[in-house]
Amino acid sequence: MAHFISLLPAIWPWFILIAAQIGMAAGRQRLGLTLLAVFTGSAAVLGLVTPMAVTIAAAGLLGAGGLRRLTGGTALFAHLALILWCFALGAHLIPGFHNLLILDQVQAGPESSAFTMYLNLDKPMVLFAVLLAWPGMIHDGRQFRTMPLLTGLAMLPALFILALALGAVRSEIGLPVWWLIFALSNLFLTCLTEEAFFRGYMQSALSSRIGAGLGIAAASLLFGLAHAGGGPALVVFASILGAACGLGYYATGRLWVPILMHFGFNALHLALFTYPGPA
């Protein structure tokens, strides 16, 4: 807790961003966008974003908001443009976002390899865009499906067993002093954003065209490929995690289910195993 409190003078703008995310994910679009505007203004005053970054983000959000009124080939082109915009933000390719370095070459434990973590400004913009483009992801009233949910949940411990068997992780029980800032960032800036994009948006859009099974598989593979920077093994592990979360979303139609599955998996990884891998 002391470590987290020491960070508050630097990280307070992100609490406004997280409140905006929660508002959007709860279906309070006006509140979410108002808080996003407050956050953007604060970030600009503090020099965290440049006018170019604000312009690119605003253009993407405006385009996403108008996407539902398009049809045919124009709609398809607009969706592809939105996907590319989202991937560019997620890969930190858009200039002008000064993400805050919060953990620099730290270790979760003596057996863990060192890693670095930033509080992102760019990637969370994806959440707002896909909720504007595909708001139905948080209003899905589909019938509850028990077996797909149980299958998805069972895949999570199975993935840990596979990673242990292959030596991708080792047992290491304990939490580092920075666990709270990790949890805050991982839940909202990572899991909420990624699940809204890959499950709420991509999986839903693909499933509506090619069926649920292929939609889950395709979105899961894309999720894995988004982690290609970590090597082929991470692509495979991430694809399996994506499939588990995809089944959770398919089974319930509730976005919070894959968000909690994703976050729960990451939290257990940090608490019980070498993170992100053995040294």
Protein backbone atom coordinates (compact mmCIF):
# COMPACT_ATOMS: atom_id res chain seq x y z
CA MET A 1 0.00 0.00 0.00
CA ALA A 2 2.82 2.43 0.81
CA HIS A 3 4.23 1.94 -2.69
CA PHE A 4 0.83 2.72 -4.23
CA ILE A 5 0.32 5.83 -2.09
CA SER A 6 3.74 7.13 -3.12
CA LEU A 7 2.60 7.00 -6.76
CA LEU A 8 -0.59 9.02 -6.31
CA PRO A 9 0.89 12.45 -7.19
CA ALA A 10 1.91 11.05 -10.60
CA ILE A 11 -0.99 8.72 -11.42
CA TRP A 12 -4.08 10.72 -10.35
CA PRO A 13 -5.20 11.52 -13.95
CA TRP A 14 -5.62 7.80 -14.61
CA PHE A 15 -8.34 7.62 -11.96
CA ILE A 16 -10.41 9.98 -14.14
CA LEU A 17 -9.70 7.75 -17.16
CA ILE A 18 -10.72 4.63 -15.24
CA ALA A 19 -13.93 6.33 -14.07
CA ALA A 20 -14.66 7.19 -17.71
CA GLN A 21 -14.06 3.56 -18.71
CA ILE A 22 -16.40 2.30 -16.00
CA GLY A 23 -19.08 4.74 -17.10
CA MET A 24 -18.85 3.61 -20.73
CA ALA A 25 -18.80 -0.09 -19.83
CA ALA A 26 -21.86 0.42 -17.61
CA GLY A 27 -23.80 1.90 -20.51
CA ARG A 28 -23.55 5.50 -19.24
CA GLN A 29 -22.16 6.80 -22.51
CA ARG A 30 -22.66 10.52 -21.84
CA LEU A 31 -20.98 10.25 -18.43
CA GLY A 32 -18.14 8.18 -19.84
CA LEU A 33 -17.42 10.60 -22.67
CA THR A 34 -17.67 13.63 -20.37
CA LEU A 35 -15.10 12.11 -18.00
CA LEU A 36 -12.94 11.20 -20.98
CA ALA A 37 -12.98 14.86 -22.06
CA VAL A 38 -11.99 15.92 -18.53
CA PHE A 39 -9.18 13.37 -18.53
CA THR A 40 -7.96 14.48 -21.97
CA GLY A 41 -7.91 18.11 -20.90
CA SER A 42 -5.99 17.24 -17.73
CA ALA A 43 -3.52 15.07 -19.65
CA ALA A 44 -2.95 17.84 -22.20
CA VAL A 45 -2.28 20.43 -19.49
CA LEU A 46 0.19 18.06 -17.83
CA GLY A 47 1.97 17.39 -21.12
CA LEU A 48 0.97 13.72 -21.21
CA VAL A 49 -0.60 14.04 -24.67
CA THR A 50 0.14 16.31 -27.59
CA PRO A 51 -2.41 18.09 -29.81
CA MET A 52 -1.62 15.56 -32.56
CA ALA A 53 -2.44 12.64 -30.27
CA VAL A 54 -5.70 14.29 -29.17
CA THR A 55 -6.65 14.94 -32.81
CA ILE A 56 -5.99 11.34 -33.89
CA ALA A 57 -7.90 9.97 -30.90
CA ALA A 58 -10.84 12.32 -31.47
CA ALA A 59 -10.99 11.45 -35.17
CA GLY A 60 -11.13 7.74 -34.36
CA LEU A 61 -13.85 8.21 -31.76
CA LEU A 62 -15.95 10.39 -34.07
CA GLY A 63 -15.59 7.84 -36.85
CA ALA A 64 -16.55 5.00 -34.51
CA GLY A 65 -19.60 6.92 -33.35
CA GLY A 66 -20.85 7.32 -36.91
CA LEU A 67 -20.08 3.78 -38.00
CA ARG A 68 -23.49 2.35 -37.03
CA ARG A 69 -25.19 4.54 -39.65
CA LEU A 70 -23.17 3.00 -42.49
CA THR A 71 -24.14 -0.01 -44.58
CA GLY A 72 -22.67 -2.31 -47.21
CA GLY A 73 -19.15 -1.85 -48.47
CA THR A 74 -18.80 1.53 -46.79
CA ALA A 75 -19.49 -0.05 -43.39
CA LEU A 76 -16.99 -2.85 -44.06
CA PHE A 77 -14.28 -0.36 -45.02
CA ALA A 78 -15.05 1.74 -41.93
CA HIS A 79 -14.81 -1.31 -39.65
CA LEU A 80 -11.44 -2.24 -41.16
CA ALA A 81 -10.21 1.32 -40.66
CA LEU A 82 -11.38 1.21 -37.02
CA ILE A 83 -9.58 -2.10 -36.45
CA LEU A 84 -6.34 -0.70 -37.85
CA TRP A 85 -6.73 2.42 -35.69
CA CYS A 86 -7.27 0.23 -32.62
CA PHE A 87 -4.25 -1.95 -33.38
CA ALA A 88 -2.08 1.15 -33.92
CA LEU A 89 -3.08 2.50 -30.51
CA GLY A 90 -2.66 -0.87 -28.82
CA ALA A 91 0.82 -1.25 -30.32
CA HIS A 92 1.73 2.33 -29.26
CA LEU A 93 2.38 3.40 -32.86
CA ILE A 94 0.51 6.71 -32.65
CA PRO A 95 2.84 9.59 -31.69
CA GLY A 96 2.08 12.05 -28.93
CA PHE A 97 0.97 9.73 -26.12
CA HIS A 98 3.50 9.88 -23.27
CA ASN A 99 2.68 6.72 -21.36
CA LEU A 100 3.96 6.84 -17.79
CA LEU A 101 6.79 4.46 -16.88
CA ILE A 102 5.62 3.04 -13.58
CA LEU A 103 7.69 -0.14 -13.10
CA ASP A 104 11.19 -0.29 -14.56
CA GLN A 105 12.92 -3.68 -14.80
CA VAL A 106 11.31 -5.02 -11.64
CA GLN A 107 10.98 -8.65 -10.55
CA ALA A 108 7.88 -10.21 -9.02
CA GLY A 109 10.17 -12.60 -7.13
CA PRO A 110 13.73 -13.92 -7.16
CA GLU A 111 12.90 -16.59 -9.77
CA SER A 112 11.01 -14.21 -12.08
CA SER A 113 12.46 -12.37 -15.03
CA ALA A 114 12.53 -8.58 -14.97
CA PHE A 115 9.84 -6.62 -16.76
CA THR A 116 8.73 -3.05 -17.33
CA MET A 117 5.21 -1.63 -17.10
CA TYR A 118 3.68 1.64 -18.27
CA LEU A 119 0.36 3.26 -17.41
CA ASN A 120 -1.03 3.60 -20.91
CA LEU A 121 -2.88 6.58 -22.31
CA ASP A 122 -3.31 5.35 -25.89
CA LYS A 123 -4.56 1.77 -25.55
CA PRO A 124 -7.59 2.62 -23.34
CA MET A 125 -8.96 4.83 -26.14
CA VAL A 126 -9.82 1.58 -27.92
CA LEU A 127 -12.49 0.81 -25.31
CA PHE A 128 -14.39 4.02 -26.02
CA ALA A 129 -14.21 3.52 -29.78
CA VAL A 130 -15.51 -0.04 -29.87
CA LEU A 131 -18.31 0.76 -27.42
CA LEU A 132 -19.37 3.60 -29.70
CA ALA A 133 -19.19 1.36 -32.77
CA TRP A 134 -20.72 -1.78 -31.22
CA PRO A 135 -22.76 -0.80 -28.12
CA GLY A 136 -24.67 -4.08 -28.17
CA MET A 137 -21.71 -5.83 -26.56
CA ILE A 138 -22.93 -4.67 -23.13
CA HIS A 139 -26.64 -5.20 -23.78
CA ASP A 140 -26.59 -8.80 -25.00
CA GLY A 141 -29.55 -10.68 -23.53
CA ARG A 142 -28.69 -14.11 -24.89
CA GLN A 143 -29.65 -17.25 -23.00
CA PHE A 144 -27.12 -18.52 -20.46
CA ARG A 145 -25.12 -21.53 -21.68
CA THR A 146 -23.64 -23.59 -18.88
CA MET A 147 -21.29 -25.98 -20.69
CA PRO A 148 -19.35 -23.35 -22.71
CA LEU A 149 -18.81 -21.34 -19.52
CA LEU A 150 -17.59 -24.37 -17.55
CA THR A 151 -15.33 -25.32 -20.45
CA GLY A 152 -13.84 -21.84 -20.59
CA LEU A 153 -13.27 -21.77 -16.84
CA ALA A 154 -11.65 -25.23 -16.93
CA MET A 155 -9.24 -24.04 -19.62
CA LEU A 156 -7.65 -21.51 -17.25
CA PRO A 157 -6.06 -23.95 -14.76
CA ALA A 158 -5.29 -26.26 -17.69
CA LEU A 159 -3.31 -23.44 -19.28
CA PHE A 160 -1.24 -23.04 -16.10
CA ILE A 161 -0.57 -26.78 -16.06
CA LEU A 162 0.54 -26.65 -19.70
CA ALA A 163 2.81 -23.65 -19.02
CA LEU A 164 4.37 -25.46 -16.04
CA ALA A 165 4.91 -28.63 -18.07
CA LEU A 166 6.64 -26.67 -20.84
CA GLY A 167 8.76 -24.63 -18.43
CA ALA A 168 7.16 -21.33 -19.44
CA VAL A 169 6.50 -20.58 -15.76
CA ARG A 170 7.62 -21.99 -12.41
CA SER A 171 5.90 -22.01 -9.05
CA GLU A 172 6.64 -18.85 -7.02
CA ILE A 173 4.09 -17.89 -4.40
CA GLY A 174 3.90 -14.31 -3.16
CA LEU A 175 2.99 -10.77 -4.13
CA PRO A 176 5.47 -7.95 -4.85
CA VAL A 177 5.12 -4.56 -3.19
CA TRP A 178 3.79 -3.12 -6.44
CA TRP A 179 0.89 -5.58 -6.79
CA LEU A 180 -1.81 -2.93 -6.31
CA ILE A 181 -0.72 -0.65 -9.15
CA PHE A 182 -0.28 -3.76 -11.30
CA ALA A 183 -3.83 -4.89 -10.48
CA LEU A 184 -5.32 -1.45 -11.21
CA SER A 185 -3.54 -1.16 -14.54
CA ASN A 186 -4.14 -4.76 -15.56
CA LEU A 187 -7.86 -4.77 -14.76
CA PHE A 188 -8.83 -1.50 -16.40
CA LEU A 189 -6.16 -0.45 -18.88
CA THR A 190 -5.47 -3.99 -20.14
CA CYS A 191 -8.23 -6.54 -19.46
CA LEU A 192 -11.23 -4.24 -19.84
CA THR A 193 -9.84 -2.73 -23.03
CA GLU A 194 -8.70 -6.02 -24.60
CA GLU A 195 -11.89 -7.90 -23.79
CA ALA A 196 -14.06 -5.10 -25.15
CA PHE A 197 -12.07 -5.19 -28.40
CA PHE A 198 -11.42 -8.89 -28.93
CA ARG A 199 -14.57 -10.38 -27.40
CA GLY A 200 -17.19 -7.64 -27.35
CA TYR A 201 -16.33 -6.23 -30.77
CA MET A 202 -14.25 -8.65 -32.87
CA GLN A 203 -15.83 -11.90 -31.68
CA SER A 204 -19.34 -10.47 -31.93
CA ALA A 205 -18.76 -9.06 -35.41
CA LEU A 206 -17.10 -12.22 -36.71
CA SER A 207 -19.69 -14.52 -35.13
CA SER A 208 -22.50 -12.60 -36.80
CA ARG A 209 -20.94 -13.40 -40.18
CA ILE A 210 -19.24 -16.80 -39.86
CA GLY A 211 -20.90 -18.40 -36.84
CA ALA A 212 -20.08 -18.58 -33.14
CA GLY A 213 -17.46 -21.35 -33.30
CA LEU A 214 -15.39 -19.77 -36.06
CA GLY A 215 -15.92 -16.32 -34.55
CA ILE A 216 -14.46 -17.42 -31.21
CA ALA A 217 -11.56 -19.19 -32.95
CA ALA A 218 -10.73 -16.22 -35.20
CA ALA A 219 -10.93 -13.63 -32.40
CA SER A 220 -8.81 -15.86 -30.15
CA LEU A 221 -6.15 -16.26 -32.83
CA LEU A 222 -6.07 -12.50 -33.38
CA PHE A 223 -5.68 -12.06 -29.62
CA GLY A 224 -2.75 -14.46 -29.69
CA LEU A 225 -1.12 -12.73 -32.65
CA ALA A 226 -1.41 -9.40 -30.82
CA HIS A 227 1.07 -10.90 -28.34
CA ALA A 228 3.55 -11.94 -31.03
CA GLY A 229 6.19 -9.62 -29.57
CA GLY A 230 6.60 -12.09 -26.73
CA GLY A 231 7.48 -14.97 -29.06
CA PRO A 232 5.65 -17.98 -30.57
CA ALA A 233 4.95 -19.66 -27.22
CA LEU A 234 3.17 -16.56 -25.92
CA VAL A 235 1.05 -16.47 -29.09
CA VAL A 236 -0.12 -20.01 -28.35
CA PHE A 237 -0.78 -19.36 -24.65
CA ALA A 238 -2.59 -16.10 -25.39
CA SER A 239 -4.73 -17.78 -28.06
CA ILE A 240 -5.81 -20.44 -25.55
CA LEU A 241 -6.58 -17.75 -22.96
CA GLY A 242 -8.52 -15.88 -25.64
CA ALA A 243 -10.55 -19.00 -26.43
CA ALA A 244 -11.37 -19.47 -22.74
CA CYS A 245 -12.52 -15.86 -22.40
CA GLY A 246 -14.36 -16.15 -25.71
CA LEU A 247 -16.34 -19.10 -24.40
CA GLY A 248 -17.14 -17.12 -21.27
CA TYR A 249 -18.53 -14.27 -23.35
CA TYR A 250 -20.40 -16.61 -25.71
CA ALA A 251 -21.94 -18.45 -22.75
CA THR A 252 -23.22 -15.38 -20.93
CA GLY A 253 -23.34 -12.40 -23.28
CA ARG A 254 -21.91 -10.36 -20.42
CA LEU A 255 -18.66 -8.50 -21.03
CA TRP A 256 -17.70 -8.55 -17.36
CA VAL A 257 -17.37 -12.36 -17.48
CA PRO A 258 -14.36 -12.51 -19.85
CA ILE A 259 -12.91 -9.40 -18.17
CA LEU A 260 -12.88 -11.17 -14.80
CA MET A 261 -11.64 -14.42 -16.35
CA HIS A 262 -8.75 -12.56 -18.00
CA PHE A 263 -7.90 -10.54 -14.91
CA GLY A 264 -8.25 -13.53 -12.60
CA PHE A 265 -5.83 -15.50 -14.75
CA ASN A 266 -3.29 -12.67 -14.73
CA ALA A 267 -3.68 -12.13 -10.98
CA LEU A 268 -3.11 -15.83 -10.23
CA HIS A 269 -0.11 -15.80 -12.56
CA LEU A 270 1.42 -12.96 -10.54
CA ALA A 271 0.56 -14.50 -7.15
CA LEU A 272 1.42 -18.16 -7.75
CA PHE A 273 3.98 -18.35 -10.56
CA THR A 274 7.03 -16.60 -11.98
CA TYR A 275 5.88 -13.42 -13.71
CA PRO A 276 6.08 -12.98 -16.64
CA GLY A 277 8.33 -16.04 -16.76
CA PRO A 278 11.32 -17.67 -15.09
CA ALA A 279 14.58 -15.74 -14.91
